[in-house]
Amino acid sequence: MTVLVDKIDGEMGSSLPDAATPIVRMMLDLLDVLNRKIGELDKEIALRAREDIIARRLMTIPGVGPITATAIAALAPPAETFSKGRDFAAWLG
């Protein structure tokens, strides 16, 4: 994020109207806060996925990461609900 702030102070800042510079800085600050919060949530989800046996098993499927695995583990009905894998795929669908 500091790269963008540096650009506001340097080359890009000179092309911005004076009134826009504080607004752009504020927006960059907000993006920085959001990026940090997203990072914290990613760590929390990854931790929960490592602790949950179902999520760990789901993550062995290519393309299934911690977010998808924890969402499926938390929201999917028990496997016995489905008579075949195709029914589960349709439920996910």
Protein backbone atom coordinates (compact mmCIF):
# COMPACT_ATOMS: atom_id res chain seq x y z
CA MET A 1 0.00 0.00 0.00
CA THR A 2 2.88 2.36 0.67
CA VAL A 3 3.79 2.17 -3.02
CA LEU A 4 0.46 3.77 -3.88
CA VAL A 5 0.86 6.40 -1.17
CA ASP A 6 4.32 7.17 -2.56
CA LYS A 7 2.81 7.61 -6.02
CA ILE A 8 0.22 10.02 -4.61
CA ASP A 9 3.05 12.01 -3.10
CA GLY A 10 5.09 11.81 -6.30
CA GLU A 11 4.27 11.44 -9.99
CA MET A 12 0.58 10.57 -9.75
CA GLY A 13 -0.11 13.22 -7.13
CA SER A 14 0.96 15.99 -9.43
CA SER A 15 -1.74 15.02 -11.94
CA LEU A 16 -4.50 14.99 -9.28
CA PRO A 17 -6.46 18.10 -8.44
CA ASP A 18 -5.54 19.46 -5.00
CA ALA A 19 -9.03 18.68 -3.68
CA ALA A 20 -8.76 15.02 -4.78
CA THR A 21 -5.49 14.21 -3.02
CA PRO A 22 -6.91 13.98 0.54
CA ILE A 23 -9.85 11.90 -0.71
CA VAL A 24 -7.56 9.48 -2.54
CA ARG A 25 -5.35 9.19 0.58
CA MET A 26 -8.44 8.42 2.68
CA MET A 27 -9.53 5.75 0.20
CA LEU A 28 -6.06 4.19 0.26
CA ASP A 29 -6.13 4.17 4.07
CA LEU A 30 -9.51 2.41 4.00
CA LEU A 31 -8.19 -0.17 1.53
CA ASP A 32 -5.23 -0.79 3.81
CA VAL A 33 -7.56 -1.42 6.78
CA LEU A 34 -9.73 -3.76 4.71
CA ASN A 35 -6.69 -5.67 3.44
CA ARG A 36 -5.48 -6.20 7.00
CA LYS A 37 -8.92 -7.40 8.13
CA ILE A 38 -9.12 -9.79 5.18
CA GLY A 39 -5.69 -11.14 6.12
CA GLU A 40 -6.87 -11.73 9.69
CA LEU A 41 -9.99 -13.54 8.47
CA ASP A 42 -7.92 -15.67 6.08
CA LYS A 43 -5.72 -16.76 8.99
CA GLU A 44 -8.77 -17.56 11.14
CA ILE A 45 -10.39 -19.62 8.38
CA ALA A 46 -7.13 -21.48 7.68
CA LEU A 47 -6.78 -22.29 11.40
CA ARG A 48 -10.35 -23.58 11.61
CA ALA A 49 -9.86 -25.64 8.45
CA ARG A 50 -6.74 -27.28 9.91
CA GLU A 51 -8.60 -28.12 13.13
CA ASP A 52 -11.66 -29.64 11.43
CA ILE A 53 -11.23 -33.21 10.17
CA ILE A 54 -13.95 -32.83 7.52
CA ALA A 55 -12.45 -29.60 6.19
CA ARG A 56 -9.00 -31.20 6.10
CA ARG A 57 -10.38 -34.11 4.10
CA LEU A 58 -12.18 -31.78 1.71
CA MET A 59 -8.97 -29.82 1.13
CA THR A 60 -7.38 -32.94 -0.35
CA ILE A 61 -9.65 -32.40 -3.36
CA PRO A 62 -7.79 -30.38 -6.03
CA GLY A 63 -9.07 -26.80 -6.11
CA VAL A 64 -10.72 -26.92 -2.67
CA GLY A 65 -9.04 -24.57 -0.24
CA PRO A 66 -9.74 -23.56 3.34
CA ILE A 67 -12.61 -21.19 2.55
CA THR A 68 -14.54 -23.67 0.43
CA ALA A 69 -13.79 -26.57 2.77
CA THR A 70 -14.96 -24.75 5.91
CA ALA A 71 -18.07 -23.47 4.14
CA ILE A 72 -19.04 -26.96 2.99
CA ALA A 73 -18.22 -28.50 6.38
CA ALA A 74 -20.34 -25.89 8.15
CA LEU A 75 -23.31 -25.76 5.79
CA ALA A 76 -23.68 -29.11 4.06
CA PRO A 77 -26.20 -31.60 5.43
CA PRO A 78 -24.91 -34.99 6.61
CA ALA A 79 -23.67 -37.27 3.81
CA GLU A 80 -26.47 -39.74 4.60
CA THR A 81 -28.93 -37.13 3.27
CA PHE A 82 -27.77 -37.88 -0.28
CA SER A 83 -28.27 -41.21 -1.99
CA LYS A 84 -25.40 -40.61 -4.43
CA GLY A 85 -22.61 -38.15 -5.12
CA ARG A 86 -24.57 -36.61 -7.97
CA ASP A 87 -27.26 -35.53 -5.49
CA PHE A 88 -24.65 -33.80 -3.38
CA ALA A 89 -23.24 -32.08 -6.48
CA ALA A 90 -26.74 -30.89 -7.34
CA TRP A 91 -27.14 -29.56 -3.78
CA LEU A 92 -23.88 -27.64 -4.17
CA GLY A 93 -24.90 -26.48 -7.63
